Amino acid sequence: MIYLNYTNLDKQTQERLLSMSKKEVENLFGNQLKNYAQQQDVNYDTLLEEEAIRNLYNYDFVFNM
């Protein structure tokens, strides 16, 4: 679970969450994504960012108000 303060959803927090998600996706699926990017002639960084955004939907967020 990720604990967030409801009043602190600024751009910096959003970037931090995306960065955490990118690291998680890269650790879990990095080699598979690189192979897919090479086979499909897709930019790896773009593919990684798209998967990281999808991965954010799997997180459990807890908002403190």
N, C-alpha and C. Protein backbone atom coordinates (compact mmCIF):
# COMPACT_ATOMS: atom_id res chain seq x y z
N MET A 1 0.82 -1.17 0.00
CA MET A 1 0.00 0.00 0.00
C MET A 1 0.87 1.24 0.00
N ILE A 2 0.37 2.26 -0.61
CA ILE A 2 1.06 3.53 -0.67
C ILE A 2 0.22 4.55 0.08
N TYR A 3 0.82 5.16 1.06
CA TYR A 3 0.11 6.15 1.88
C TYR A 3 0.40 7.54 1.34
N LEU A 4 -0.66 8.27 1.05
CA LEU A 4 -0.53 9.62 0.52
C LEU A 4 -1.33 10.59 1.38
N ASN A 5 -0.82 11.77 1.47
CA ASN A 5 -1.56 12.85 2.11
C ASN A 5 -2.44 13.48 1.03
N TYR A 6 -3.72 13.59 1.29
CA TYR A 6 -4.67 14.08 0.29
C TYR A 6 -4.30 15.47 -0.22
N THR A 7 -3.69 16.28 0.60
CA THR A 7 -3.36 17.64 0.20
C THR A 7 -2.02 17.70 -0.55
N ASN A 8 -1.34 16.58 -0.70
CA ASN A 8 -0.03 16.58 -1.35
C ASN A 8 -0.04 15.70 -2.59
N LEU A 9 -0.85 16.05 -3.56
CA LEU A 9 -0.90 15.32 -4.83
C LEU A 9 -0.33 16.18 -5.95
N ASP A 10 0.73 16.90 -5.65
CA ASP A 10 1.34 17.79 -6.62
C ASP A 10 2.13 17.00 -7.67
N LYS A 11 2.70 17.70 -8.61
CA LYS A 11 3.43 17.08 -9.71
C LYS A 11 4.61 16.27 -9.21
N GLN A 12 5.30 16.76 -8.19
CA GLN A 12 6.46 16.04 -7.65
C GLN A 12 6.03 14.67 -7.10
N THR A 13 4.92 14.61 -6.41
CA THR A 13 4.43 13.35 -5.86
C THR A 13 4.04 12.41 -6.99
N GLN A 14 3.39 12.93 -8.00
CA GLN A 14 3.00 12.10 -9.14
C GLN A 14 4.22 11.54 -9.85
N GLU A 15 5.25 12.35 -10.01
CA GLU A 15 6.49 11.89 -10.65
C GLU A 15 7.18 10.82 -9.81
N ARG A 16 7.13 10.98 -8.48
CA ARG A 16 7.73 9.99 -7.59
C ARG A 16 7.00 8.65 -7.71
N LEU A 17 5.67 8.69 -7.77
CA LEU A 17 4.89 7.46 -7.92
C LEU A 17 5.20 6.79 -9.26
N LEU A 18 5.29 7.57 -10.32
CA LEU A 18 5.61 7.01 -11.63
C LEU A 18 7.01 6.42 -11.64
N SER A 19 7.94 7.07 -10.99
CA SER A 19 9.31 6.57 -10.90
C SER A 19 9.36 5.24 -10.16
N MET A 20 8.62 5.15 -9.05
CA MET A 20 8.55 3.89 -8.30
C MET A 20 7.97 2.78 -9.17
N SER A 21 6.94 3.11 -9.90
CA SER A 21 6.29 2.12 -10.76
C SER A 21 7.22 1.68 -11.88
N LYS A 22 7.97 2.62 -12.47
CA LYS A 22 8.93 2.27 -13.53
C LYS A 22 9.97 1.29 -13.01
N LYS A 23 10.51 1.55 -11.82
CA LYS A 23 11.51 0.65 -11.25
C LYS A 23 10.93 -0.74 -11.02
N GLU A 24 9.71 -0.79 -10.54
CA GLU A 24 9.07 -2.09 -10.29
C GLU A 24 8.86 -2.86 -11.59
N VAL A 25 8.34 -2.18 -12.60
CA VAL A 25 8.10 -2.83 -13.89
C VAL A 25 9.42 -3.29 -14.51
N GLU A 26 10.44 -2.44 -14.42
CA GLU A 26 11.73 -2.80 -15.00
C GLU A 26 12.35 -4.00 -14.29
N ASN A 27 12.20 -4.07 -12.98
CA ASN A 27 12.72 -5.22 -12.24
C ASN A 27 11.98 -6.50 -12.59
N LEU A 28 10.67 -6.40 -12.76
CA LEU A 28 9.87 -7.59 -13.03
C LEU A 28 9.90 -8.03 -14.49
N PHE A 29 9.83 -7.08 -15.41
CA PHE A 29 9.64 -7.41 -16.82
C PHE A 29 10.65 -6.76 -17.76
N GLY A 30 11.76 -6.27 -17.23
CA GLY A 30 12.73 -5.52 -18.03
C GLY A 30 13.22 -6.26 -19.26
N ASN A 31 13.64 -7.50 -19.09
CA ASN A 31 14.17 -8.26 -20.23
C ASN A 31 13.10 -8.54 -21.27
N GLN A 32 11.90 -8.87 -20.80
CA GLN A 32 10.80 -9.14 -21.73
C GLN A 32 10.44 -7.89 -22.52
N LEU A 33 10.40 -6.74 -21.84
CA LEU A 33 10.07 -5.49 -22.52
C LEU A 33 11.14 -5.11 -23.54
N LYS A 34 12.41 -5.32 -23.19
CA LYS A 34 13.50 -5.01 -24.13
C LYS A 34 13.40 -5.88 -25.37
N ASN A 35 13.14 -7.18 -25.18
CA ASN A 35 12.99 -8.08 -26.33
C ASN A 35 11.81 -7.67 -27.19
N TYR A 36 10.69 -7.35 -26.56
CA TYR A 36 9.51 -6.93 -27.30
C TYR A 36 9.78 -5.64 -28.08
N ALA A 37 10.45 -4.69 -27.43
CA ALA A 37 10.75 -3.41 -28.08
C ALA A 37 11.64 -3.63 -29.30
N GLN A 38 12.61 -4.52 -29.20
CA GLN A 38 13.49 -4.79 -30.34
C GLN A 38 12.74 -5.48 -31.46
N GLN A 39 11.90 -6.46 -31.11
CA GLN A 39 11.17 -7.21 -32.14
C GLN A 39 10.14 -6.34 -32.85
N GLN A 40 9.49 -5.44 -32.13
CA GLN A 40 8.43 -4.62 -32.70
C GLN A 40 8.93 -3.25 -33.15
N ASP A 41 10.22 -2.98 -32.99
CA ASP A 41 10.82 -1.70 -33.36
C ASP A 41 10.10 -0.54 -32.66
N VAL A 42 10.00 -0.66 -31.33
CA VAL A 42 9.33 0.33 -30.48
C VAL A 42 10.37 0.92 -29.54
N ASN A 43 10.22 2.18 -29.20
CA ASN A 43 11.12 2.82 -28.25
C ASN A 43 10.92 2.20 -26.86
N TYR A 44 12.00 1.68 -26.27
CA TYR A 44 11.92 1.00 -24.98
C TYR A 44 11.44 1.93 -23.87
N ASP A 45 11.93 3.16 -23.84
CA ASP A 45 11.55 4.09 -22.78
C ASP A 45 10.06 4.42 -22.83
N THR A 46 9.52 4.57 -24.02
CA THR A 46 8.09 4.84 -24.17
C THR A 46 7.29 3.64 -23.70
N LEU A 47 7.72 2.46 -24.09
CA LEU A 47 7.04 1.24 -23.68
C LEU A 47 7.08 1.08 -22.16
N LEU A 48 8.23 1.35 -21.56
CA LEU A 48 8.38 1.25 -20.12
C LEU A 48 7.45 2.23 -19.40
N GLU A 49 7.36 3.45 -19.90
CA GLU A 49 6.48 4.44 -19.28
C GLU A 49 5.01 4.03 -19.37
N GLU A 50 4.61 3.50 -20.52
CA GLU A 50 3.22 3.05 -20.68
C GLU A 50 2.91 1.92 -19.71
N GLU A 51 3.82 0.98 -19.57
CA GLU A 51 3.61 -0.13 -18.64
C GLU A 51 3.61 0.34 -17.20
N ALA A 52 4.44 1.33 -16.89
CA ALA A 52 4.48 1.87 -15.53
C ALA A 52 3.16 2.55 -15.18
N ILE A 53 2.59 3.26 -16.13
CA ILE A 53 1.29 3.91 -15.90
C ILE A 53 0.21 2.86 -15.68
N ARG A 54 0.23 1.79 -16.47
CA ARG A 54 -0.73 0.70 -16.26
C ARG A 54 -0.52 0.05 -14.90
N ASN A 55 0.73 -0.06 -14.49
CA ASN A 55 1.05 -0.68 -13.21
C ASN A 55 0.51 0.13 -12.03
N LEU A 56 0.39 1.44 -12.18
CA LEU A 56 -0.14 2.27 -11.10
C LEU A 56 -1.55 1.87 -10.71
N TYR A 57 -2.31 1.30 -11.65
CA TYR A 57 -3.67 0.88 -11.35
C TYR A 57 -3.70 -0.33 -10.42
N ASN A 58 -2.58 -1.03 -10.26
CA ASN A 58 -2.51 -2.19 -9.38
C ASN A 58 -2.16 -1.81 -7.95
N TYR A 59 -1.76 -0.58 -7.71
CA TYR A 59 -1.38 -0.15 -6.37
C TYR A 59 -2.64 0.08 -5.52
N ASP A 60 -2.47 -0.13 -4.24
CA ASP A 60 -3.52 0.23 -3.28
C ASP A 60 -3.10 1.54 -2.61
N PHE A 61 -3.89 2.57 -2.83
CA PHE A 61 -3.57 3.88 -2.28
C PHE A 61 -4.43 4.12 -1.04
N VAL A 62 -3.82 4.70 -0.03
CA VAL A 62 -4.52 5.10 1.18
C VAL A 62 -4.32 6.59 1.33
N PHE A 63 -5.42 7.32 1.38
CA PHE A 63 -5.35 8.77 1.49
C PHE A 63 -5.65 9.19 2.91
N ASN A 64 -4.77 9.96 3.47
CA ASN A 64 -4.98 10.54 4.80
C ASN A 64 -5.49 11.96 4.64
N MET A 65 -6.61 12.24 5.27
CA MET A 65 -7.19 13.58 5.17
C MET A 65 -7.10 14.29 6.50
